[in-house]
Amino acid sequence: MKTTVAMFLITAVLVVGIIVLPLVINFDLLTKVSVFIGVLSSAATVGLLGVTVIYVYATNKMVEEMRKTRLQEFRPEVVVYFEPDPKFPEFFNLAVCNIGRGLATDVKFKFEPEPLGSNKSHVKEIGYFADGIETFVPGAKLTTFYDSFNDALSGAAGSTKCFKVEVLYRDSTRAFPYHETYTCDVQVFRNILDGHTDTMERSLEKMVDKMGNIARCIVAASKGT
């Protein structure tokens, strides 16, 4: 038993000597290895930090893009334009409409130059143009009579033929402002009306031809009798 213990102790001393002695002898090598391991550890830490920063940046950017997309999808959009009157097609109106999917608030209008409607009426003095619109729901529309096509397109003095409207408003949270500028020009109706006029003239010509044929048939029939 004592012999076995002695052999074990001798073996342990030899193993420790074999492992530790070279390290002691090559202390500089051990130091260099330790420094190298430290450098690797620091580099790994910096790399991990860089990956984390990139991940956070990409995540924030994705969230911001999603937020912008949602805001655009459900944002208000207030437009101003001329449109023919649905009941009296010889007249046209100045219309304001929220064509967006969100509630518009604090709607304000600025005109350049000041538009004068029929009989030189001051359009910007109309209530919602002068005082603005506090809340404007999606799909809401306001119209006011502006002029007749005949007077506007004939060059007769009276209404302003072309002007710009600057529209400023916010969304339902009043946190996000919007700003658009629209040009209202009665000349856009000229081609439309010219097309309708040409169509009416062609229809009248065909009607006259048919009436002429009918008249000739009646005359020929009366001569035959």
Protein backbone atom coordinates (compact mmCIF):
# COMPACT_ATOMS: atom_id res chain seq x y z
CA MET A 1 0.00 0.00 0.00
CA LYS A 2 2.79 2.40 0.94
CA THR A 3 4.59 1.48 -2.24
CA THR A 4 1.50 2.35 -4.32
CA VAL A 5 1.10 5.73 -2.64
CA ALA A 6 4.74 6.49 -3.14
CA MET A 7 4.52 5.60 -6.82
CA PHE A 8 1.45 7.84 -7.22
CA LEU A 9 3.19 10.79 -5.59
CA ILE A 10 6.27 10.32 -7.73
CA THR A 11 4.13 10.15 -10.90
CA ALA A 12 2.20 13.30 -9.91
CA VAL A 13 5.38 15.22 -9.28
CA LEU A 14 6.76 14.16 -12.65
CA VAL A 15 3.57 15.18 -14.49
CA VAL A 16 3.42 18.56 -12.77
CA GLY A 17 7.10 19.03 -13.47
CA ILE A 18 6.67 18.17 -17.13
CA ILE A 19 3.75 20.63 -17.53
CA VAL A 20 4.82 23.50 -15.29
CA LEU A 21 8.56 23.51 -15.96
CA PRO A 22 8.29 24.40 -19.68
CA LEU A 23 5.83 27.11 -18.86
CA VAL A 24 8.14 28.59 -16.27
CA ILE A 25 11.03 28.34 -18.66
CA ASN A 26 8.97 29.89 -21.48
CA PHE A 27 7.38 32.58 -19.34
CA ASP A 28 7.62 35.11 -22.16
CA LEU A 29 5.68 32.78 -24.45
CA LEU A 30 3.02 32.33 -21.80
CA THR A 31 2.76 36.11 -21.44
CA LYS A 32 2.40 36.57 -25.20
CA VAL A 33 -0.29 33.90 -25.37
CA SER A 34 -2.15 35.56 -22.52
CA VAL A 35 -1.96 38.96 -24.26
CA PHE A 36 -3.13 37.44 -27.54
CA ILE A 37 -6.08 35.82 -25.82
CA GLY A 38 -6.93 39.18 -24.22
CA VAL A 39 -6.79 40.93 -27.61
CA LEU A 40 -9.06 38.29 -29.13
CA SER A 41 -11.51 38.70 -26.27
CA SER A 42 -11.56 42.49 -26.69
CA ALA A 43 -12.03 42.18 -30.46
CA ALA A 44 -14.90 39.76 -29.95
CA THR A 45 -16.50 42.17 -27.49
CA VAL A 46 -16.18 45.08 -29.94
CA GLY A 47 -17.54 42.94 -32.77
CA LEU A 48 -20.52 41.89 -30.68
CA LEU A 49 -21.14 45.53 -29.78
CA GLY A 50 -21.02 46.48 -33.47
CA VAL A 51 -23.50 43.75 -34.41
CA THR A 52 -25.81 44.93 -31.62
CA VAL A 53 -25.65 48.54 -32.84
CA ILE A 54 -26.40 47.49 -36.42
CA TYR A 55 -29.32 45.34 -35.26
CA VAL A 56 -30.79 48.18 -33.18
CA TYR A 57 -30.40 50.64 -36.09
CA ALA A 58 -32.04 48.25 -38.58
CA THR A 59 -34.89 47.54 -36.17
CA ASN A 60 -35.52 51.25 -35.55
CA LYS A 61 -35.43 51.96 -39.28
CA MET A 62 -37.92 49.18 -39.97
CA VAL A 63 -40.25 50.47 -37.24
CA GLU A 64 -39.97 54.02 -38.64
CA GLU A 65 -40.81 52.81 -42.16
CA MET A 66 -43.81 50.90 -40.84
CA ARG A 67 -44.96 53.99 -38.95
CA LYS A 68 -44.61 56.18 -42.06
CA THR A 69 -46.49 53.64 -44.16
CA ARG A 70 -49.31 53.52 -41.64
CA LEU A 71 -49.45 57.31 -41.46
CA GLN A 72 -49.58 57.56 -45.27
CA GLU A 73 -52.28 54.91 -45.46
CA PHE A 74 -54.54 56.60 -42.93
CA ARG A 75 -53.56 60.22 -43.49
CA PRO A 76 -56.03 62.97 -44.46
CA GLU A 77 -55.74 64.61 -47.88
CA VAL A 78 -57.59 67.86 -48.48
CA VAL A 79 -57.90 68.93 -52.14
CA VAL A 80 -59.38 72.03 -53.81
CA TYR A 81 -60.64 71.97 -57.41
CA PHE A 82 -63.26 73.18 -59.90
CA GLU A 83 -66.11 70.84 -60.82
CA PRO A 84 -69.30 71.16 -62.91
CA ASP A 85 -72.48 71.64 -60.91
CA PRO A 86 -74.35 68.28 -60.91
CA LYS A 87 -77.79 69.95 -61.15
CA PHE A 88 -76.95 72.90 -63.42
CA PRO A 89 -74.28 71.80 -65.91
CA GLU A 90 -73.87 75.30 -67.33
CA PHE A 91 -72.35 76.37 -64.00
CA PHE A 92 -69.34 75.15 -62.08
CA ASN A 93 -68.36 75.17 -58.40
CA LEU A 94 -65.24 75.49 -56.29
CA ALA A 95 -65.01 72.30 -54.23
CA VAL A 96 -63.06 71.30 -51.13
CA CYS A 97 -62.90 67.60 -50.29
CA ASN A 98 -61.03 65.29 -47.90
CA ILE A 99 -60.21 62.36 -50.17
CA GLY A 100 -57.92 60.74 -47.57
CA ARG A 101 -58.73 58.06 -44.99
CA GLY A 102 -57.96 60.15 -41.93
CA LEU A 103 -59.53 63.07 -40.09
CA ALA A 104 -58.17 66.49 -41.08
CA THR A 105 -57.97 69.22 -38.44
CA ASP A 106 -57.10 72.91 -38.38
CA VAL A 107 -57.59 73.28 -42.15
CA LYS A 108 -56.48 76.69 -43.47
CA PHE A 109 -56.51 78.19 -46.98
CA LYS A 110 -54.32 80.81 -48.67
CA PHE A 111 -55.13 82.14 -52.17
CA GLU A 112 -52.82 83.71 -54.75
CA PRO A 113 -54.17 85.85 -56.33
CA GLU A 114 -57.41 86.46 -54.48
CA PRO A 115 -60.14 84.65 -56.47
CA LEU A 116 -63.24 86.57 -57.48
CA GLY A 117 -66.28 84.50 -58.34
CA SER A 118 -69.35 85.43 -60.37
CA ASN A 119 -70.23 89.14 -60.09
CA LYS A 120 -66.80 89.64 -58.50
CA SER A 121 -67.83 87.97 -55.25
CA HIS A 122 -64.94 87.45 -52.81
CA VAL A 123 -64.59 83.68 -52.51
CA LYS A 124 -62.06 83.80 -49.68
CA GLU A 125 -64.63 85.58 -47.48
CA ILE A 126 -66.85 82.49 -47.46
CA GLY A 127 -66.98 81.04 -43.94
CA TYR A 128 -64.82 77.94 -44.24
CA PHE A 129 -62.29 79.67 -46.51
CA ALA A 130 -62.02 82.69 -44.19
CA ASP A 131 -62.11 80.92 -40.81
CA GLY A 132 -60.79 77.50 -41.80
CA ILE A 133 -62.25 74.11 -40.94
CA GLU A 134 -61.65 72.77 -37.43
CA THR A 135 -62.40 69.11 -38.28
CA PHE A 136 -62.93 67.63 -41.74
CA VAL A 137 -63.92 63.95 -41.81
CA PRO A 138 -62.87 61.55 -44.60
CA GLY A 139 -65.15 61.88 -47.63
CA ALA A 140 -66.53 65.25 -46.52
CA LYS A 141 -67.06 67.78 -49.31
CA LEU A 142 -67.94 71.47 -49.41
CA THR A 143 -68.88 73.34 -52.61
CA THR A 144 -69.67 76.92 -53.48
CA PHE A 145 -70.92 78.38 -56.76
CA TYR A 146 -68.11 80.03 -58.70
CA ASP A 147 -69.23 81.04 -62.21
CA SER A 148 -70.88 79.94 -65.44
CA PHE A 149 -68.85 78.22 -68.14
CA ASN A 150 -70.03 80.74 -70.72
CA ASP A 151 -68.79 83.76 -68.78
CA ALA A 152 -65.59 82.12 -67.55
CA LEU A 153 -64.48 80.82 -70.96
CA SER A 154 -65.67 83.73 -73.08
CA GLY A 155 -63.10 86.06 -71.58
CA ALA A 156 -65.76 88.24 -70.03
CA ALA A 157 -64.62 90.35 -67.11
CA GLY A 158 -65.67 89.02 -63.74
CA SER A 159 -64.35 85.86 -62.13
CA THR A 160 -60.66 85.04 -61.71
CA LYS A 161 -59.78 82.49 -64.38
CA CYS A 162 -56.75 80.94 -62.65
CA PHE A 163 -55.39 81.01 -59.11
CA LYS A 164 -53.44 78.89 -56.63
CA VAL A 165 -54.70 77.56 -53.31
CA GLU A 166 -52.31 76.67 -50.50
CA VAL A 167 -53.89 74.20 -48.07
CA LEU A 168 -52.44 73.64 -44.59
CA TYR A 169 -53.85 71.10 -42.14
CA ARG A 170 -53.01 68.45 -39.54
CA ASP A 171 -54.08 64.89 -38.80
CA SER A 172 -56.38 63.82 -35.96
CA THR A 173 -53.53 63.93 -33.40
CA ARG A 174 -52.59 67.45 -34.54
CA ALA A 175 -48.98 66.25 -34.43
CA PHE A 176 -48.27 65.86 -38.15
CA PRO A 177 -48.71 68.92 -40.42
CA TYR A 178 -49.48 68.66 -44.14
CA HIS A 179 -49.12 71.23 -46.88
CA GLU A 180 -50.26 71.14 -50.51
CA THR A 181 -50.70 73.71 -53.27
CA TYR A 182 -53.32 73.33 -56.01
CA THR A 183 -53.89 75.31 -59.21
CA CYS A 184 -57.50 76.02 -60.15
CA ASP A 185 -57.79 76.92 -63.85
CA VAL A 186 -61.09 77.17 -65.74
CA GLN A 187 -59.24 76.48 -68.99
CA VAL A 188 -59.17 72.77 -68.16
CA PHE A 189 -62.86 72.71 -69.07
CA ARG A 190 -62.35 74.18 -72.54
CA ASN A 191 -61.31 70.94 -74.27
CA ILE A 192 -64.09 69.06 -72.49
CA LEU A 193 -66.70 71.57 -73.55
CA ASP A 194 -65.26 71.77 -77.07
CA GLY A 195 -65.58 68.01 -77.31
CA HIS A 196 -69.18 68.14 -76.15
CA THR A 197 -69.86 70.96 -78.61
CA ASP A 198 -68.39 68.98 -81.50
CA THR A 199 -70.48 65.97 -80.52
CA MET A 200 -73.62 68.07 -80.35
CA GLU A 201 -72.85 69.65 -83.72
CA ARG A 202 -72.35 66.23 -85.33
CA SER A 203 -75.59 65.02 -83.77
CA LEU A 204 -77.44 68.03 -85.11
CA GLU A 205 -75.92 67.50 -88.57
CA LYS A 206 -77.08 63.88 -88.57
CA MET A 207 -80.51 64.95 -87.41
CA VAL A 208 -80.72 67.54 -90.20
CA ASP A 209 -79.67 64.91 -92.76
CA LYS A 210 -82.31 62.50 -91.49
CA MET A 211 -84.96 65.21 -91.53
CA GLY A 212 -83.88 66.07 -95.08
CA ASN A 213 -84.22 62.41 -96.14
CA ILE A 214 -87.63 62.19 -94.53
CA ALA A 215 -88.71 65.39 -96.29
CA ARG A 216 -87.47 64.07 -99.64
CA CYS A 217 -89.34 60.80 -99.09
CA ILE A 218 -92.52 62.69 -98.27
CA VAL A 219 -92.15 64.86 -101.37
CA ALA A 220 -91.47 61.82 -103.57
CA ALA A 221 -94.45 60.01 -102.10
CA SER A 222 -96.70 62.99 -102.62
CA LYS A 223 -95.57 63.27 -106.24
CA GLY A 224 -96.25 59.62 -106.76
CA THR A 225 -99.84 60.05 -105.67
